[in-house]
């Protein structure tokens, strides 16, 4: 069928393709798929009031560097919030302001050898991390507003945490070498360091750390891409990761889905390959699944 591809979203911790064809619908991310990219259109927006994704009903054309048309960008109301550091509010509409007045979480997440700090609206904090491909992460603070959460995020970044991890880095680091205990200790050490270093006005919003470790996804990726000849006596610095193919801007995906990490699919056809589906968002695609 022909439909607009709007990404991989998570519901009850399970991944689904979000598609639009006259109406929104979701399809489980499993089995055999065929996705061929066609023309790019506006990907719509996330409705901050109804907490759901809204399609661009006009399917307006956009250029290759854009994801939204001007109309949907305005409807979103979130444009001026992008890049906010919690200092000077630039929001110019009630949608964004009301969303910012909701409780937000601040998290630390391990991506390869990097620790990312980020924020999420508290009501969808787990889905947010799963959509980003977080494999080991810890919620460290609960702020009464998004503005305050962004300020905590910014000050944490000043202590050496990264604010952004590119898809190119994620797809090259699908093998996760930290055990559950090692990942917990690494994030917990960072959490304790931050409690010592940040101002008391921010520390008062810190919570008992909430740790998550996506063992199933980690195990599948490691079995696929780690050298199986190596035993448990090897340290993680000596582990050999197999060379594997990946595509950051696919025009076609075809084969059996072996694993999904955030927006990254590992698919087996003639060979095993990883694909970043993020670059498909907004495109009209020929979509088949069985």
C-alpha atoms as a PDB file:
ATOM      1  CA  UNK A   1       0.000   0.000   0.000  1.00  0.00           C
ATOM      2  CA  UNK A   2       1.021   3.625  -0.430  1.00  0.00           C
ATOM      3  CA  UNK A   3       1.159   5.673   2.788  1.00  0.00           C
ATOM      4  CA  UNK A   4       3.145   8.417   4.485  1.00  0.00           C
ATOM      5  CA  UNK A   5       5.862   7.147   6.821  1.00  0.00           C
ATOM      6  CA  UNK A   6       5.924   9.031  10.148  1.00  0.00           C
ATOM      7  CA  UNK A   7       8.494   7.094  12.129  1.00  0.00           C
ATOM      8  CA  UNK A   8       8.751   4.360  14.724  1.00  0.00           C
ATOM      9  CA  UNK A   9       6.775   5.085  17.878  1.00  0.00           C
ATOM     10  CA  UNK A  10       6.494   3.093  21.097  1.00  0.00           C
ATOM     11  CA  UNK A  11       3.338   2.061  22.904  1.00  0.00           C
ATOM     12  CA  UNK A  12       3.530  -0.055  26.070  1.00  0.00           C
ATOM     13  CA  UNK A  13       7.266  -0.400  25.318  1.00  0.00           C
ATOM     14  CA  UNK A  14       6.582  -2.057  21.942  1.00  0.00           C
ATOM     15  CA  UNK A  15       7.658  -0.484  18.620  1.00  0.00           C
ATOM     16  CA  UNK A  16       5.181   0.367  15.873  1.00  0.00           C
ATOM     17  CA  UNK A  17       5.445   1.986  12.455  1.00  0.00           C
ATOM     18  CA  UNK A  18       3.298   5.130  12.398  1.00  0.00           C
ATOM     19  CA  UNK A  19       1.691   5.611   8.980  1.00  0.00           C
ATOM     20  CA  UNK A  20      -0.846   7.991   7.502  1.00  0.00           C
ATOM     21  CA  UNK A  21      -3.289   7.145   4.737  1.00  0.00           C
ATOM     22  CA  UNK A  22      -6.532   9.089   5.129  1.00  0.00           C
ATOM     23  CA  UNK A  23      -6.138   8.380   8.859  1.00  0.00           C
ATOM     24  CA  UNK A  24      -3.357   7.511  11.296  1.00  0.00           C
ATOM     25  CA  UNK A  25      -2.632   3.864  11.963  1.00  0.00           C
ATOM     26  CA  UNK A  26       0.118   1.772  13.516  1.00  0.00           C
ATOM     27  CA  UNK A  27       1.745  -1.471  12.359  1.00  0.00           C
ATOM     28  CA  UNK A  28       3.924  -3.699  14.595  1.00  0.00           C
ATOM     29  CA  UNK A  29       7.642  -3.545  13.834  1.00  0.00           C
ATOM     30  CA  UNK A  30       8.299  -7.214  13.145  1.00  0.00           C
ATOM     31  CA  UNK A  31       8.154  -9.855  10.418  1.00  0.00           C
ATOM     32  CA  UNK A  32       9.184  -9.210   6.822  1.00  0.00           C
ATOM     33  CA  UNK A  33       8.908  -5.701   5.410  1.00  0.00           C
ATOM     34  CA  UNK A  34       9.278  -3.868   2.135  1.00  0.00           C
ATOM     35  CA  UNK A  35       9.511  -0.073   2.237  1.00  0.00           C
ATOM     36  CA  UNK A  36      10.371   1.945  -0.867  1.00  0.00           C
ATOM     37  CA  UNK A  37      10.786   5.706  -0.577  1.00  0.00           C
ATOM     38  CA  UNK A  38       8.848   8.049  -2.841  1.00  0.00           C
ATOM     39  CA  UNK A  39       8.122  11.787  -2.637  1.00  0.00           C
ATOM     40  CA  UNK A  40       8.712  13.814   0.521  1.00  0.00           C
ATOM     41  CA  UNK A  41       5.823  15.636   2.176  1.00  0.00           C
ATOM     42  CA  UNK A  42       5.287  17.541   5.443  1.00  0.00           C
ATOM     43  CA  UNK A  43       5.462  15.115   8.406  1.00  0.00           C
ATOM     44  CA  UNK A  44       2.841  16.991  10.425  1.00  0.00           C
ATOM     45  CA  UNK A  45       3.385  17.731  14.096  1.00  0.00           C
ATOM     46  CA  UNK A  46       2.985  16.496  17.653  1.00  0.00           C
ATOM     47  CA  UNK A  47      -0.084  18.026  19.284  1.00  0.00           C
ATOM     48  CA  UNK A  48       1.030  19.304  22.693  1.00  0.00           C
ATOM     49  CA  UNK A  49      -2.540  19.459  24.021  1.00  0.00           C
ATOM     50  CA  UNK A  50      -3.933  16.132  22.806  1.00  0.00           C
ATOM     51  CA  UNK A  51      -0.634  14.265  23.230  1.00  0.00           C
ATOM     52  CA  UNK A  52      -0.733  12.646  19.814  1.00  0.00           C
ATOM     53  CA  UNK A  53       0.836  12.950  16.368  1.00  0.00           C
ATOM     54  CA  UNK A  54      -1.148  14.918  13.808  1.00  0.00           C
ATOM     55  CA  UNK A  55      -0.633  14.492  10.069  1.00  0.00           C
ATOM     56  CA  UNK A  56      -0.395  17.324   7.587  1.00  0.00           C
ATOM     57  CA  UNK A  57      -3.852  16.858   6.078  1.00  0.00           C
ATOM     58  CA  UNK A  58      -2.794  18.767   2.954  1.00  0.00           C
ATOM     59  CA  UNK A  59       0.406  16.718   2.631  1.00  0.00           C
ATOM     60  CA  UNK A  60       2.233  19.891   1.640  1.00  0.00           C
ATOM     61  CA  UNK A  61       5.470  19.514  -0.268  1.00  0.00           C
ATOM     62  CA  UNK A  62       8.692  20.309   1.623  1.00  0.00           C
ATOM     63  CA  UNK A  63      12.300  20.362   0.512  1.00  0.00           C
ATOM     64  CA  UNK A  64      14.813  17.663   1.467  1.00  0.00           C
ATOM     65  CA  UNK A  65      16.129  19.640   4.443  1.00  0.00           C
ATOM     66  CA  UNK A  66      12.722  20.351   5.978  1.00  0.00           C
ATOM     67  CA  UNK A  67      10.334  18.125   7.914  1.00  0.00           C
ATOM     68  CA  UNK A  68       7.390  20.531   8.315  1.00  0.00           C
ATOM     69  CA  UNK A  69       5.489  23.044   6.268  1.00  0.00           C
ATOM     70  CA  UNK A  70       4.973  26.526   7.719  1.00  0.00           C
ATOM     71  CA  UNK A  71       1.353  25.732   8.570  1.00  0.00           C
ATOM     72  CA  UNK A  72       2.184  22.646  10.667  1.00  0.00           C
ATOM     73  CA  UNK A  73       5.114  24.396  12.318  1.00  0.00           C
ATOM     74  CA  UNK A  74       2.720  27.085  13.491  1.00  0.00           C
ATOM     75  CA  UNK A  75       0.134  24.533  14.648  1.00  0.00           C
ATOM     76  CA  UNK A  76       2.763  22.723  16.683  1.00  0.00           C
ATOM     77  CA  UNK A  77       3.509  25.844  18.690  1.00  0.00           C
ATOM     78  CA  UNK A  78       6.848  24.400  19.755  1.00  0.00           C
ATOM     79  CA  UNK A  79       9.174  26.045  17.251  1.00  0.00           C
ATOM     80  CA  UNK A  80      10.576  28.723  19.573  1.00  0.00           C
ATOM     81  CA  UNK A  81      11.125  26.148  22.337  1.00  0.00           C
ATOM     82  CA  UNK A  82      13.769  24.312  20.317  1.00  0.00           C
ATOM     83  CA  UNK A  83      17.201  24.940  21.775  1.00  0.00           C
ATOM     84  CA  UNK A  84      15.780  26.342  25.029  1.00  0.00           C
ATOM     85  CA  UNK A  85      18.255  26.313  27.936  1.00  0.00           C
ATOM     86  CA  UNK A  86      15.675  27.250  30.550  1.00  0.00           C
ATOM     87  CA  UNK A  87      16.827  30.833  30.905  1.00  0.00           C
ATOM     88  CA  UNK A  88      14.923  33.152  28.584  1.00  0.00           C
ATOM     89  CA  UNK A  89      11.530  31.835  27.474  1.00  0.00           C
ATOM     90  CA  UNK A  90      10.806  32.479  23.781  1.00  0.00           C
ATOM     91  CA  UNK A  91       7.429  30.710  23.569  1.00  0.00           C
ATOM     92  CA  UNK A  92       4.763  32.886  21.936  1.00  0.00           C
ATOM     93  CA  UNK A  93       1.604  30.771  22.254  1.00  0.00           C
ATOM     94  CA  UNK A  94      -0.550  29.071  24.897  1.00  0.00           C
ATOM     95  CA  UNK A  95       0.113  25.574  23.543  1.00  0.00           C
ATOM     96  CA  UNK A  96       3.822  25.751  24.219  1.00  0.00           C
ATOM     97  CA  UNK A  97       3.402  27.571  27.523  1.00  0.00           C
ATOM     98  CA  UNK A  98       0.844  25.067  28.837  1.00  0.00           C
ATOM     99  CA  UNK A  99       3.045  22.157  27.756  1.00  0.00           C
ATOM    100  CA  UNK A 100       6.005  23.719  29.537  1.00  0.00           C
ATOM    101  CA  UNK A 101       3.953  23.978  32.734  1.00  0.00           C
ATOM    102  CA  UNK A 102       3.730  20.177  32.897  1.00  0.00           C
ATOM    103  CA  UNK A 103       6.137  18.053  34.917  1.00  0.00           C
ATOM    104  CA  UNK A 104       9.286  17.053  33.051  1.00  0.00           C
ATOM    105  CA  UNK A 105      11.968  14.441  33.666  1.00  0.00           C
ATOM    106  CA  UNK A 106      15.730  14.842  33.256  1.00  0.00           C
ATOM    107  CA  UNK A 107      17.677  11.736  32.265  1.00  0.00           C
ATOM    108  CA  UNK A 108      21.174  10.412  31.646  1.00  0.00           C
ATOM    109  CA  UNK A 109      21.595   7.828  28.880  1.00  0.00           C
ATOM    110  CA  UNK A 110      24.569   5.758  27.731  1.00  0.00           C
ATOM    111  CA  UNK A 111      25.313   5.737  24.017  1.00  0.00           C
ATOM    112  CA  UNK A 112      28.580   3.924  23.343  1.00  0.00           C
ATOM    113  CA  UNK A 113      31.176   5.710  25.465  1.00  0.00           C
ATOM    114  CA  UNK A 114      29.118   8.905  25.732  1.00  0.00           C
ATOM    115  CA  UNK A 115      26.651   9.977  28.401  1.00  0.00           C
ATOM    116  CA  UNK A 116      23.792  12.074  27.068  1.00  0.00           C
ATOM    117  CA  UNK A 117      21.629  14.360  29.193  1.00  0.00           C
ATOM    118  CA  UNK A 118      18.106  15.141  28.058  1.00  0.00           C
ATOM    119  CA  UNK A 119      14.567  16.007  29.092  1.00  0.00           C
ATOM    120  CA  UNK A 120      11.144  14.527  28.454  1.00  0.00           C
ATOM    121  CA  UNK A 121       7.601  15.366  29.401  1.00  0.00           C
ATOM    122  CA  UNK A 122       7.029  13.178  32.439  1.00  0.00           C
ATOM    123  CA  UNK A 123       3.896  11.484  31.084  1.00  0.00           C
ATOM    124  CA  UNK A 124       5.854   9.987  28.145  1.00  0.00           C
ATOM    125  CA  UNK A 125       9.354   9.754  29.565  1.00  0.00           C
ATOM    126  CA  UNK A 126       9.801   6.031  28.835  1.00  0.00           C
ATOM    127  CA  UNK A 127       8.510   6.237  25.263  1.00  0.00           C
ATOM    128  CA  UNK A 128      10.840   9.180  24.639  1.00  0.00           C
ATOM    129  CA  UNK A 129      13.926   7.162  25.605  1.00  0.00           C
ATOM    130  CA  UNK A 130      12.841   4.116  23.628  1.00  0.00           C
ATOM    131  CA  UNK A 131      12.276   6.276  20.536  1.00  0.00           C
ATOM    132  CA  UNK A 132      15.787   7.683  20.939  1.00  0.00           C
ATOM    133  CA  UNK A 133      17.290   4.189  21.157  1.00  0.00           C
ATOM    134  CA  UNK A 134      18.310   4.399  24.802  1.00  0.00           C
ATOM    135  CA  UNK A 135      19.640   1.031  25.987  1.00  0.00           C
ATOM    136  CA  UNK A 136      20.769   2.016  29.470  1.00  0.00           C
ATOM    137  CA  UNK A 137      19.415   5.170  31.045  1.00  0.00           C
ATOM    138  CA  UNK A 138      18.561   6.749  34.370  1.00  0.00           C
ATOM    139  CA  UNK A 139      15.957   9.357  35.262  1.00  0.00           C
ATOM    140  CA  UNK A 140      17.644  11.668  37.751  1.00  0.00           C
ATOM    141  CA  UNK A 141      15.311  14.631  38.290  1.00  0.00           C
ATOM    142  CA  UNK A 142      11.642  15.588  38.192  1.00  0.00           C
ATOM    143  CA  UNK A 143      11.002  19.252  37.513  1.00  0.00           C
ATOM    144  CA  UNK A 144       7.625  21.022  37.831  1.00  0.00           C
ATOM    145  CA  UNK A 145       8.106  22.751  34.453  1.00  0.00           C
ATOM    146  CA  UNK A 146       9.876  22.139  31.176  1.00  0.00           C
ATOM    147  CA  UNK A 147      11.758  25.431  31.591  1.00  0.00           C
ATOM    148  CA  UNK A 148      13.317  24.238  34.838  1.00  0.00           C
ATOM    149  CA  UNK A 149      14.080  20.810  33.370  1.00  0.00           C
ATOM    150  CA  UNK A 150      15.886  22.493  30.466  1.00  0.00           C
ATOM    151  CA  UNK A 151      17.919  24.563  32.921  1.00  0.00           C
ATOM    152  CA  UNK A 152      18.981  21.412  34.809  1.00  0.00           C
ATOM    153  CA  UNK A 153      19.813  19.762  31.475  1.00  0.00           C
ATOM    154  CA  UNK A 154      21.951  22.728  30.427  1.00  0.00           C
ATOM    155  CA  UNK A 155      23.861  22.859  33.717  1.00  0.00           C
ATOM    156  CA  UNK A 156      24.453  19.083  33.585  1.00  0.00           C
ATOM    157  CA  UNK A 157      25.891  19.505  30.077  1.00  0.00           C
ATOM    158  CA  UNK A 158      28.392  21.980  31.545  1.00  0.00           C
ATOM    159  CA  UNK A 159      29.718  19.073  33.643  1.00  0.00           C
ATOM    160  CA  UNK A 160      30.725  17.151  30.508  1.00  0.00           C
ATOM    161  CA  UNK A 161      27.535  15.397  29.348  1.00  0.00           C
ATOM    162  CA  UNK A 162      26.534  15.674  25.701  1.00  0.00           C
ATOM    163  CA  UNK A 163      23.213  17.212  24.661  1.00  0.00           C
ATOM    164  CA  UNK A 164      22.985  15.381  21.358  1.00  0.00           C
ATOM    165  CA  UNK A 165      23.985  12.016  19.896  1.00  0.00           C
ATOM    166  CA  UNK A 166      23.817  11.791  16.110  1.00  0.00           C
ATOM    167  CA  UNK A 167      22.182   8.884  14.297  1.00  0.00           C
ATOM    168  CA  UNK A 168      25.531   8.130  12.647  1.00  0.00           C
ATOM    169  CA  UNK A 169      27.070   7.477  16.077  1.00  0.00           C
ATOM    170  CA  UNK A 170      24.129   5.381  17.255  1.00  0.00           C
ATOM    171  CA  UNK A 171      24.131   3.137  14.203  1.00  0.00           C
ATOM    172  CA  UNK A 172      27.879   2.542  14.493  1.00  0.00           C
ATOM    173  CA  UNK A 173      27.532   1.587  18.171  1.00  0.00           C
ATOM    174  CA  UNK A 174      24.772  -1.011  18.198  1.00  0.00           C
ATOM    175  CA  UNK A 175      26.975  -3.350  20.224  1.00  0.00           C
ATOM    176  CA  UNK A 176      26.601  -2.387  23.886  1.00  0.00           C
ATOM    177  CA  UNK A 177      29.561  -3.554  25.964  1.00  0.00           C
ATOM    178  CA  UNK A 178      28.477  -2.464  29.443  1.00  0.00           C
ATOM    179  CA  UNK A 179      26.864  -5.102  31.649  1.00  0.00           C
ATOM    180  CA  UNK A 180      23.774  -4.088  33.595  1.00  0.00           C
ATOM    181  CA  UNK A 181      25.863  -3.583  36.725  1.00  0.00           C
ATOM    182  CA  UNK A 182      28.558  -1.612  34.885  1.00  0.00           C
ATOM    183  CA  UNK A 183      25.993   0.628  33.208  1.00  0.00           C
ATOM    184  CA  UNK A 184      24.231   1.283  36.512  1.00  0.00           C
ATOM    185  CA  UNK A 185      27.493   2.135  38.272  1.00  0.00           C
ATOM    186  CA  UNK A 186      28.593   4.465  35.484  1.00  0.00           C
ATOM    187  CA  UNK A 187      25.332   6.412  35.513  1.00  0.00           C
ATOM    188  CA  UNK A 188      25.105   6.346  39.313  1.00  0.00           C
ATOM    189  CA  UNK A 189      28.633   7.739  39.654  1.00  0.00           C
ATOM    190  CA  UNK A 190      27.630  10.562  37.312  1.00  0.00           C
ATOM    191  CA  UNK A 191      24.441  11.179  39.277  1.00  0.00           C
ATOM    192  CA  UNK A 192      26.413  11.460  42.557  1.00  0.00           C
ATOM    193  CA  UNK A 193      28.977  13.747  40.942  1.00  0.00           C
ATOM    194  CA  UNK A 194      26.200  16.040  39.737  1.00  0.00           C
ATOM    195  CA  UNK A 195      24.621  16.145  43.203  1.00  0.00           C
ATOM    196  CA  UNK A 196      27.945  17.355  44.540  1.00  0.00           C
ATOM    197  CA  UNK A 197      28.625  19.885  41.795  1.00  0.00           C
ATOM    198  CA  UNK A 198      25.311  21.521  40.913  1.00  0.00           C
ATOM    199  CA  UNK A 199      23.639  24.345  42.799  1.00  0.00           C
ATOM    200  CA  UNK A 200      21.237  23.428  45.622  1.00  0.00           C
ATOM    201  CA  UNK A 201      18.443  25.270  43.773  1.00  0.00           C
ATOM    202  CA  UNK A 202      18.638  22.527  41.121  1.00  0.00           C
ATOM    203  CA  UNK A 203      19.597  19.565  43.319  1.00  0.00           C
ATOM    204  CA  UNK A 204      16.316  19.832  45.219  1.00  0.00           C
ATOM    205  CA  UNK A 205      14.559  18.461  42.113  1.00  0.00           C
ATOM    206  CA  UNK A 206      16.758  15.360  41.963  1.00  0.00           C
ATOM    207  CA  UNK A 207      14.923  12.090  42.657  1.00  0.00           C
ATOM    208  CA  UNK A 208      15.892   8.601  43.658  1.00  0.00           C
ATOM    209  CA  UNK A 209      17.500   7.371  40.411  1.00  0.00           C
ATOM    210  CA  UNK A 210      15.236   5.271  38.170  1.00  0.00           C
ATOM    211  CA  UNK A 211      17.465   2.938  36.126  1.00  0.00           C
ATOM    212  CA  UNK A 212      16.495   1.065  32.958  1.00  0.00           C
ATOM    213  CA  UNK A 213      18.497  -1.526  30.984  1.00  0.00           C
ATOM    214  CA  UNK A 214      17.076  -2.858  27.711  1.00  0.00           C
ATOM    215  CA  UNK A 215      18.517  -6.345  28.052  1.00  0.00           C
ATOM    216  CA  UNK A 216      16.621  -7.988  25.173  1.00  0.00           C
ATOM    217  CA  UNK A 217      17.644  -5.455  22.521  1.00  0.00           C
ATOM    218  CA  UNK A 218      21.238  -5.435  23.797  1.00  0.00           C
ATOM    219  CA  UNK A 219      21.482  -9.222  23.696  1.00  0.00           C
ATOM    220  CA  UNK A 220      20.203  -9.465  20.114  1.00  0.00           C
ATOM    221  CA  UNK A 221      22.523  -6.732  18.788  1.00  0.00           C
ATOM    222  CA  UNK A 222      25.526  -8.198  20.601  1.00  0.00           C
ATOM    223  CA  UNK A 223      24.813 -11.684  19.267  1.00  0.00           C
ATOM    224  CA  UNK A 224      24.551 -10.292  15.737  1.00  0.00           C
ATOM    225  CA  UNK A 225      27.562  -8.005  15.699  1.00  0.00           C
ATOM    226  CA  UNK A 226      30.018  -9.128  18.386  1.00  0.00           C
ATOM    227  CA  UNK A 227      32.671 -11.723  17.470  1.00  0.00           C
ATOM    228  CA  UNK A 228      31.175 -14.976  18.742  1.00  0.00           C
ATOM    229  CA  UNK A 229      34.607 -16.594  19.040  1.00  0.00           C
ATOM    230  CA  UNK A 230      35.438 -14.469  22.047  1.00  0.00           C
ATOM    231  CA  UNK A 231      34.781 -15.844  25.504  1.00  0.00           C
ATOM    232  CA  UNK A 232      33.934 -14.188  28.777  1.00  0.00           C
ATOM    233  CA  UNK A 233      37.616 -13.765  29.702  1.00  0.00           C
ATOM    234  CA  UNK A 234      37.987 -10.826  27.318  1.00  0.00           C
ATOM    235  CA  UNK A 235      37.654  -7.320  28.697  1.00  0.00           C
ATOM    236  CA  UNK A 236      35.342  -4.973  26.860  1.00  0.00           C
ATOM    237  CA  UNK A 237      38.369  -3.098  25.487  1.00  0.00           C
ATOM    238  CA  UNK A 238      39.471  -6.315  23.751  1.00  0.00           C
ATOM    239  CA  UNK A 239      36.089  -7.275  22.308  1.00  0.00           C
ATOM    240  CA  UNK A 240      36.021  -7.366  18.530  1.00  0.00           C
ATOM    241  CA  UNK A 241      32.927  -5.941  16.868  1.00  0.00           C
ATOM    242  CA  UNK A 242      32.266  -7.392  13.434  1.00  0.00           C
ATOM    243  CA  UNK A 243      32.179  -5.058  10.475  1.00  0.00           C
ATOM    244  CA  UNK A 244      28.556  -4.574   9.493  1.00  0.00           C
ATOM    245  CA  UNK A 245      26.794  -2.637   6.779  1.00  0.00           C
ATOM    246  CA  UNK A 246      24.567   0.299   7.608  1.00  0.00           C
ATOM    247  CA  UNK A 247      22.593   2.904   5.703  1.00  0.00           C
ATOM    248  CA  UNK A 248      21.849   6.328   7.181  1.00  0.00           C
ATOM    249  CA  UNK A 249      19.601   7.440   4.310  1.00  0.00           C
ATOM    250  CA  UNK A 250      17.883   4.375   2.854  1.00  0.00           C
ATOM    251  CA  UNK A 251      15.730   4.519  -0.257  1.00  0.00           C
ATOM    252  CA  UNK A 252      14.490   0.961   0.207  1.00  0.00           C
ATOM    253  CA  UNK A 253      14.299  -1.515   3.097  1.00  0.00           C
ATOM    254  CA  UNK A 254      13.543  -5.152   2.376  1.00  0.00           C
ATOM    255  CA  UNK A 255      13.816  -8.328   4.408  1.00  0.00           C
ATOM    256  CA  UNK A 256      13.234  -9.846   7.832  1.00  0.00           C
ATOM    257  CA  UNK A 257      13.429  -7.529  10.849  1.00  0.00           C
ATOM    258  CA  UNK A 258      15.914  -8.945  13.350  1.00  0.00           C
ATOM    259  CA  UNK A 259      15.971  -6.086  15.855  1.00  0.00           C
ATOM    260  CA  UNK A 260      14.893  -2.503  16.459  1.00  0.00           C
ATOM    261  CA  UNK A 261      16.860   0.064  18.475  1.00  0.00           C
ATOM    262  CA  UNK A 262      14.993   3.346  18.607  1.00  0.00           C
ATOM    263  CA  UNK A 263      14.641   4.332  14.944  1.00  0.00           C
ATOM    264  CA  UNK A 264      17.278   1.849  13.732  1.00  0.00           C
ATOM    265  CA  UNK A 265      16.195  -1.418  12.137  1.00  0.00           C
ATOM    266  CA  UNK A 266      18.464  -4.427  11.678  1.00  0.00           C
ATOM    267  CA  UNK A 267      17.206  -6.345   8.645  1.00  0.00           C
ATOM    268  CA  UNK A 268      18.319  -9.587   7.010  1.00  0.00           C
ATOM    269  CA  UNK A 269      17.875 -10.023   3.275  1.00  0.00           C
ATOM    270  CA  UNK A 270      20.904 -11.179   1.296  1.00  0.00           C
ATOM    271  CA  UNK A 271      22.953  -9.896   4.222  1.00  0.00           C
ATOM    272  CA  UNK A 272      22.398  -8.374   7.655  1.00  0.00           C
ATOM    273  CA  UNK A 273      22.285  -4.575   7.524  1.00  0.00           C
ATOM    274  CA  UNK A 274      21.284  -1.711   9.855  1.00  0.00           C
ATOM    275  CA  UNK A 275      19.051   1.097   8.583  1.00  0.00           C
ATOM    276  CA  UNK A 276      18.254   4.484  10.107  1.00  0.00           C
ATOM    277  CA  UNK A 277      14.541   4.975   9.418  1.00  0.00           C
ATOM    278  CA  UNK A 278      14.599   8.565  10.706  1.00  0.00           C
ATOM    279  CA  UNK A 279      15.409   9.848   7.226  1.00  0.00           C
ATOM    280  CA  UNK A 280      12.222   8.244   5.899  1.00  0.00           C
ATOM    281  CA  UNK A 281       9.972  10.449   8.029  1.00  0.00           C
ATOM    282  CA  UNK A 282       7.481  12.364   5.913  1.00  0.00           C
ATOM    283  CA  UNK A 283       8.063  10.402   2.721  1.00  0.00           C
ATOM    284  CA  UNK A 284       5.281   8.720   0.812  1.00  0.00           C
ATOM    285  CA  UNK A 285       6.335   5.067   0.728  1.00  0.00           C
ATOM    286  CA  UNK A 286       5.277   1.806  -0.806  1.00  0.00           C
ATOM    287  CA  UNK A 287       4.809  -0.231   2.379  1.00  0.00           C
ATOM    288  CA  UNK A 288       4.310  -3.977   2.711  1.00  0.00           C
ATOM    289  CA  UNK A 289       4.604  -6.245   5.747  1.00  0.00           C
ATOM    290  CA  UNK A 290       3.971  -9.937   6.364  1.00  0.00           C
END
